Amino acid sequence: MPSTSKKPIWTTSSLLKELESLGTEQNRKVYGRHGVTGPQFGVSFAHLGKLRRQIKVDQELAEGLWASGNHDARVLAAMIADPGEMKASTLDTWVKDVGNHVIANTVAELAARHASAKQRAEKWTRSRSETIASAGWNLVSDLAKQKDDDAVLSDDDLRSYVEQIEKGIHTAPNRTRYSMNSALISIGSHRPKLKKEALAIAKRIGPVEIDHGETGCKTPDAAERIQAGLTAYGRKAR
């Protein structure tokens, strides 16, 4: 027989309680080592993903969760926000609130689906803020994966970003360097016409030093990843 159970009707308050119940001390320690400070429950991305699939898109909930200031709530907010309803100014406000690279990644993924994605990339990558610039380069990385008619950034646009990476990566702040390195890998792996150029620049740049703190993370070698057609996470580019 088909299930008669109903999906819960979430409010900001009930979602915060749910997130609190899903948090663990171990996750809080892990996130802390990745730079997460301030209020957090320590909810795994597996649980956040389940909530995202259940809620899908809800801008009102997203704004309520973001306003809570809680790390896990803000990650979920960026997951369920409606890019069609959000103002570009709201995205700018959210990215200014970003305090760590975990949320920077999620906000960049949201911005990649926004009508102002190209403008946000241009603005954020020029920021003097380490986390905003990191989000900007994560956004460039996400946009580089788009192809053909869906591509917001053309190959010429991305060529300009590759040149900026070569000029500035070694003097950029720590997490910005990591995001720039990831963007270079993404461009070289996903845009065939730029692979040779990105690979040559990656070789000229050489090793990129990143302080990963008390984590087991390592900085991927851009030249090796591009040559092998891999993403920054070691998977084959699609």
Protein backbone atom coordinates (compact mmCIF):
# COMPACT_ATOMS: atom_id res chain seq x y z
CA MET A 1 0.00 0.00 0.00
CA PRO A 2 1.27 3.54 -0.69
CA SER A 3 2.55 5.47 2.28
CA THR A 4 0.08 7.91 3.82
CA SER A 5 2.76 9.82 5.72
CA LYS A 6 2.89 13.52 4.96
CA LYS A 7 5.95 15.64 4.47
CA PRO A 8 6.51 18.01 7.39
CA ILE A 9 5.59 21.64 6.90
CA TRP A 10 8.77 23.38 7.92
CA THR A 11 9.14 26.71 9.64
CA THR A 12 12.42 28.39 10.50
CA SER A 13 11.94 27.41 14.14
CA SER A 14 11.15 23.76 13.42
CA LEU A 15 14.05 23.48 10.99
CA LEU A 16 16.48 24.87 13.54
CA LYS A 17 15.26 22.30 16.05
CA GLU A 18 15.67 19.55 13.45
CA LEU A 19 19.19 20.69 12.65
CA GLU A 20 20.06 20.78 16.33
CA SER A 21 18.88 17.19 16.73
CA LEU A 22 21.04 16.07 13.77
CA GLY A 23 24.25 17.72 14.95
CA THR A 24 27.12 15.78 16.48
CA GLU A 25 30.17 16.73 18.53
CA GLN A 26 32.43 14.96 16.04
CA ASN A 27 31.12 17.06 13.16
CA ARG A 28 31.55 20.22 15.21
CA LYS A 29 35.20 19.31 15.74
CA VAL A 30 35.71 18.57 12.04
CA TYR A 31 34.07 21.82 10.94
CA GLY A 32 36.06 23.70 13.55
CA ARG A 33 39.28 22.42 12.01
CA HIS A 34 38.01 23.76 8.67
CA GLY A 35 37.61 27.26 10.05
CA VAL A 36 33.98 27.24 11.18
CA THR A 37 33.52 29.49 14.21
CA GLY A 38 30.46 30.80 15.99
CA PRO A 39 27.14 28.97 16.48
CA GLN A 40 26.87 25.58 14.81
CA PHE A 41 25.18 22.23 15.41
CA GLY A 42 27.57 20.06 13.42
CA VAL A 43 25.17 18.62 10.84
CA SER A 44 26.61 16.34 8.17
CA PHE A 45 26.24 17.24 4.51
CA ALA A 46 24.41 13.94 4.05
CA HIS A 47 21.64 15.13 6.40
CA LEU A 48 21.65 18.61 4.88
CA GLY A 49 21.28 17.03 1.46
CA LYS A 50 18.26 15.03 2.60
CA LEU A 51 16.60 18.18 3.92
CA ARG A 52 17.41 19.98 0.69
CA ARG A 53 15.76 17.26 -1.39
CA GLN A 54 12.70 17.37 0.86
CA ILE A 55 12.32 21.14 0.91
CA LYS A 56 13.61 21.77 -2.63
CA VAL A 57 13.30 25.57 -2.99
CA ASP A 58 11.92 27.96 -0.43
CA GLN A 59 13.23 31.51 -0.39
CA GLU A 60 11.33 32.56 2.73
CA LEU A 61 12.75 29.65 4.72
CA ALA A 62 16.20 30.32 3.32
CA GLU A 63 16.16 33.92 4.50
CA GLY A 64 14.92 32.90 7.93
CA LEU A 65 17.65 30.30 8.28
CA TRP A 66 20.34 32.72 7.14
CA ALA A 67 19.20 35.35 9.62
CA SER A 68 19.73 32.85 12.46
CA GLY A 69 23.49 33.19 12.10
CA ASN A 70 23.95 29.45 12.67
CA HIS A 71 26.53 27.80 10.39
CA ASP A 72 24.50 24.70 9.51
CA ALA A 73 21.36 26.77 8.99
CA ARG A 74 23.20 29.07 6.62
CA VAL A 75 24.59 26.19 4.58
CA LEU A 76 21.06 24.80 4.21
CA ALA A 77 19.76 28.30 3.41
CA ALA A 78 22.14 28.57 0.46
CA MET A 79 21.04 25.12 -0.68
CA ILE A 80 17.31 25.88 -0.72
CA ALA A 81 17.35 29.56 -1.72
CA ASP A 82 15.58 30.50 -4.93
CA PRO A 83 18.02 32.24 -7.31
CA GLY A 84 15.04 33.44 -9.33
CA GLU A 85 13.66 35.37 -6.35
CA MET A 86 16.90 36.59 -4.78
CA LYS A 87 18.18 40.07 -5.45
CA ALA A 88 21.82 40.45 -6.40
CA SER A 89 22.18 42.74 -3.39
CA THR A 90 21.03 39.89 -1.14
CA LEU A 91 23.74 37.65 -2.56
CA ASP A 92 26.29 40.38 -1.84
CA THR A 93 24.99 40.66 1.72
CA TRP A 94 25.18 36.91 2.23
CA VAL A 95 28.71 36.64 0.91
CA LYS A 96 29.80 39.43 3.26
CA ASP A 97 28.42 37.32 6.13
CA VAL A 98 30.50 34.33 5.04
CA GLY A 99 33.06 33.51 7.70
CA ASN A 100 34.63 30.33 6.37
CA HIS A 101 35.35 28.50 3.12
CA VAL A 102 32.69 25.85 3.79
CA ILE A 103 29.88 28.39 3.39
CA ALA A 104 31.85 30.20 0.68
CA ASN A 105 31.54 27.06 -1.46
CA THR A 106 27.78 26.78 -0.95
CA VAL A 107 27.07 30.45 -1.60
CA ALA A 108 29.14 30.23 -4.80
CA GLU A 109 27.02 27.29 -5.96
CA LEU A 110 23.90 29.39 -5.36
CA ALA A 111 25.37 32.40 -7.18
CA ALA A 112 26.18 30.22 -10.20
CA ARG A 113 22.43 29.76 -10.71
CA HIS A 114 21.64 33.48 -10.35
CA ALA A 115 21.02 35.83 -13.27
CA SER A 116 23.87 38.05 -12.04
CA ALA A 117 26.42 35.22 -11.86
CA LYS A 118 28.84 36.87 -14.26
CA GLN A 119 28.70 40.20 -12.41
CA ARG A 120 29.06 38.50 -9.03
CA ALA A 121 32.17 36.66 -10.23
CA GLU A 122 33.71 39.90 -11.46
CA LYS A 123 32.94 41.69 -8.21
CA TRP A 124 33.80 38.99 -5.72
CA THR A 125 37.10 37.91 -7.25
CA ARG A 126 38.34 41.52 -6.92
CA SER A 127 37.46 41.69 -3.21
CA ARG A 128 40.17 42.24 -0.61
CA SER A 129 38.27 39.92 1.72
CA GLU A 130 39.77 36.43 1.74
CA THR A 131 36.41 34.68 2.05
CA ILE A 132 34.59 36.84 -0.51
CA ALA A 133 37.41 36.44 -3.03
CA SER A 134 37.43 32.71 -2.29
CA ALA A 135 33.69 32.56 -3.01
CA GLY A 136 34.30 34.50 -6.22
CA TRP A 137 36.90 32.05 -7.50
CA ASN A 138 34.69 29.13 -6.47
CA LEU A 139 32.00 30.77 -8.59
CA VAL A 140 34.38 31.02 -11.56
CA SER A 141 35.15 27.34 -11.08
CA ASP A 142 31.45 26.44 -11.11
CA LEU A 143 30.75 28.59 -14.18
CA ALA A 144 33.66 27.03 -16.07
CA LYS A 145 31.82 23.70 -15.93
CA GLN A 146 28.93 25.07 -17.98
CA LYS A 147 29.05 24.35 -21.69
CA ASP A 148 27.62 25.58 -24.97
CA ASP A 149 24.44 27.67 -24.80
CA ASP A 150 24.22 27.35 -21.00
CA ALA A 151 27.62 28.91 -20.41
CA VAL A 152 27.54 32.26 -18.61
CA LEU A 153 31.27 32.79 -19.08
CA SER A 154 32.74 32.49 -22.55
CA ASP A 155 36.18 31.04 -23.24
CA ASP A 156 37.45 34.60 -23.63
CA ASP A 157 36.03 35.51 -20.22
CA LEU A 158 37.74 32.51 -18.66
CA ARG A 159 41.01 33.26 -20.46
CA SER A 160 41.04 36.60 -18.64
CA TYR A 161 40.56 34.81 -15.32
CA VAL A 162 43.40 32.39 -16.13
CA GLU A 163 45.68 35.38 -16.71
CA GLN A 164 44.61 36.90 -13.39
CA ILE A 165 45.37 33.61 -11.65
CA GLU A 166 48.89 33.51 -13.08
CA LYS A 167 49.59 37.08 -12.00
CA GLY A 168 48.11 36.92 -8.51
CA ILE A 169 47.89 33.43 -7.09
CA HIS A 170 51.14 33.43 -5.12
CA THR A 171 50.38 36.74 -3.39
CA ALA A 172 46.69 36.08 -2.68
CA PRO A 173 45.42 35.17 0.81
CA ASN A 174 45.56 31.52 1.85
CA ARG A 175 42.04 30.27 1.02
CA THR A 176 41.84 32.53 -2.01
CA ARG A 177 44.93 30.79 -3.38
CA TYR A 178 43.20 27.44 -2.96
CA SER A 179 40.08 28.62 -4.79
CA MET A 180 42.15 30.18 -7.59
CA ASN A 181 44.04 26.91 -8.00
CA SER A 182 40.73 25.00 -8.14
CA ALA A 183 39.37 27.46 -10.71
CA LEU A 184 42.42 26.95 -12.92
CA ILE A 185 41.92 23.18 -12.75
CA SER A 186 38.22 23.54 -13.56
CA ILE A 187 38.89 25.78 -16.55
CA GLY A 188 41.60 23.53 -17.95
CA SER A 189 39.57 20.37 -17.39
CA HIS A 190 36.16 21.56 -18.63
CA ARG A 191 36.98 23.93 -21.48
CA PRO A 192 38.84 22.01 -24.23
CA LYS A 193 39.94 25.16 -26.09
CA LEU A 194 41.64 26.45 -22.96
CA LYS A 195 43.27 23.23 -21.77
CA LYS A 196 46.65 23.83 -23.42
CA GLU A 197 46.84 27.42 -22.19
CA ALA A 198 45.69 26.56 -18.65
CA LEU A 199 48.16 23.67 -18.50
CA ALA A 200 51.06 25.89 -19.57
CA ILE A 201 50.16 28.48 -16.95
CA ALA A 202 49.77 25.81 -14.26
CA LYS A 203 53.30 24.62 -15.04
CA ARG A 204 54.66 28.18 -14.86
CA ILE A 205 52.89 28.77 -11.54
CA GLY A 206 54.35 25.61 -10.04
CA PRO A 207 53.47 24.39 -6.52
CA VAL A 208 50.90 26.49 -4.64
CA GLU A 209 51.46 26.59 -0.90
CA ILE A 210 48.25 26.39 1.16
CA ASP A 211 47.96 26.15 4.95
CA HIS A 212 45.21 23.59 5.54
CA GLY A 213 45.45 23.82 9.31
CA GLU A 214 44.77 20.70 11.36
CA THR A 215 43.13 18.82 8.51
CA GLY A 216 44.19 16.05 6.18
CA CYS A 217 43.49 18.16 3.10
CA LYS A 218 46.12 18.59 0.43
CA THR A 219 46.48 21.08 -2.41
CA PRO A 220 45.92 19.42 -5.79
CA ASP A 221 48.63 19.87 -8.40
CA ALA A 222 46.91 21.90 -11.12
CA ALA A 223 49.14 20.74 -13.97
CA GLU A 224 48.70 17.07 -13.09
CA ARG A 225 44.92 17.39 -12.76
CA ILE A 226 44.50 19.31 -16.01
CA GLN A 227 46.76 16.90 -17.90
CA ALA A 228 44.70 13.97 -16.65
CA GLY A 229 41.38 15.72 -17.28
CA LEU A 230 40.51 15.63 -13.60
CA THR A 231 38.65 18.10 -11.41
CA ALA A 232 40.11 19.68 -8.29
CA TYR A 233 38.58 16.78 -6.37
CA GLY A 234 40.29 14.11 -8.44
CA ARG A 235 37.24 13.02 -10.46
CA LYS A 236 37.05 12.89 -14.24
CA ALA A 237 35.67 16.09 -15.69
CA ARG A 238 32.34 15.66 -17.46
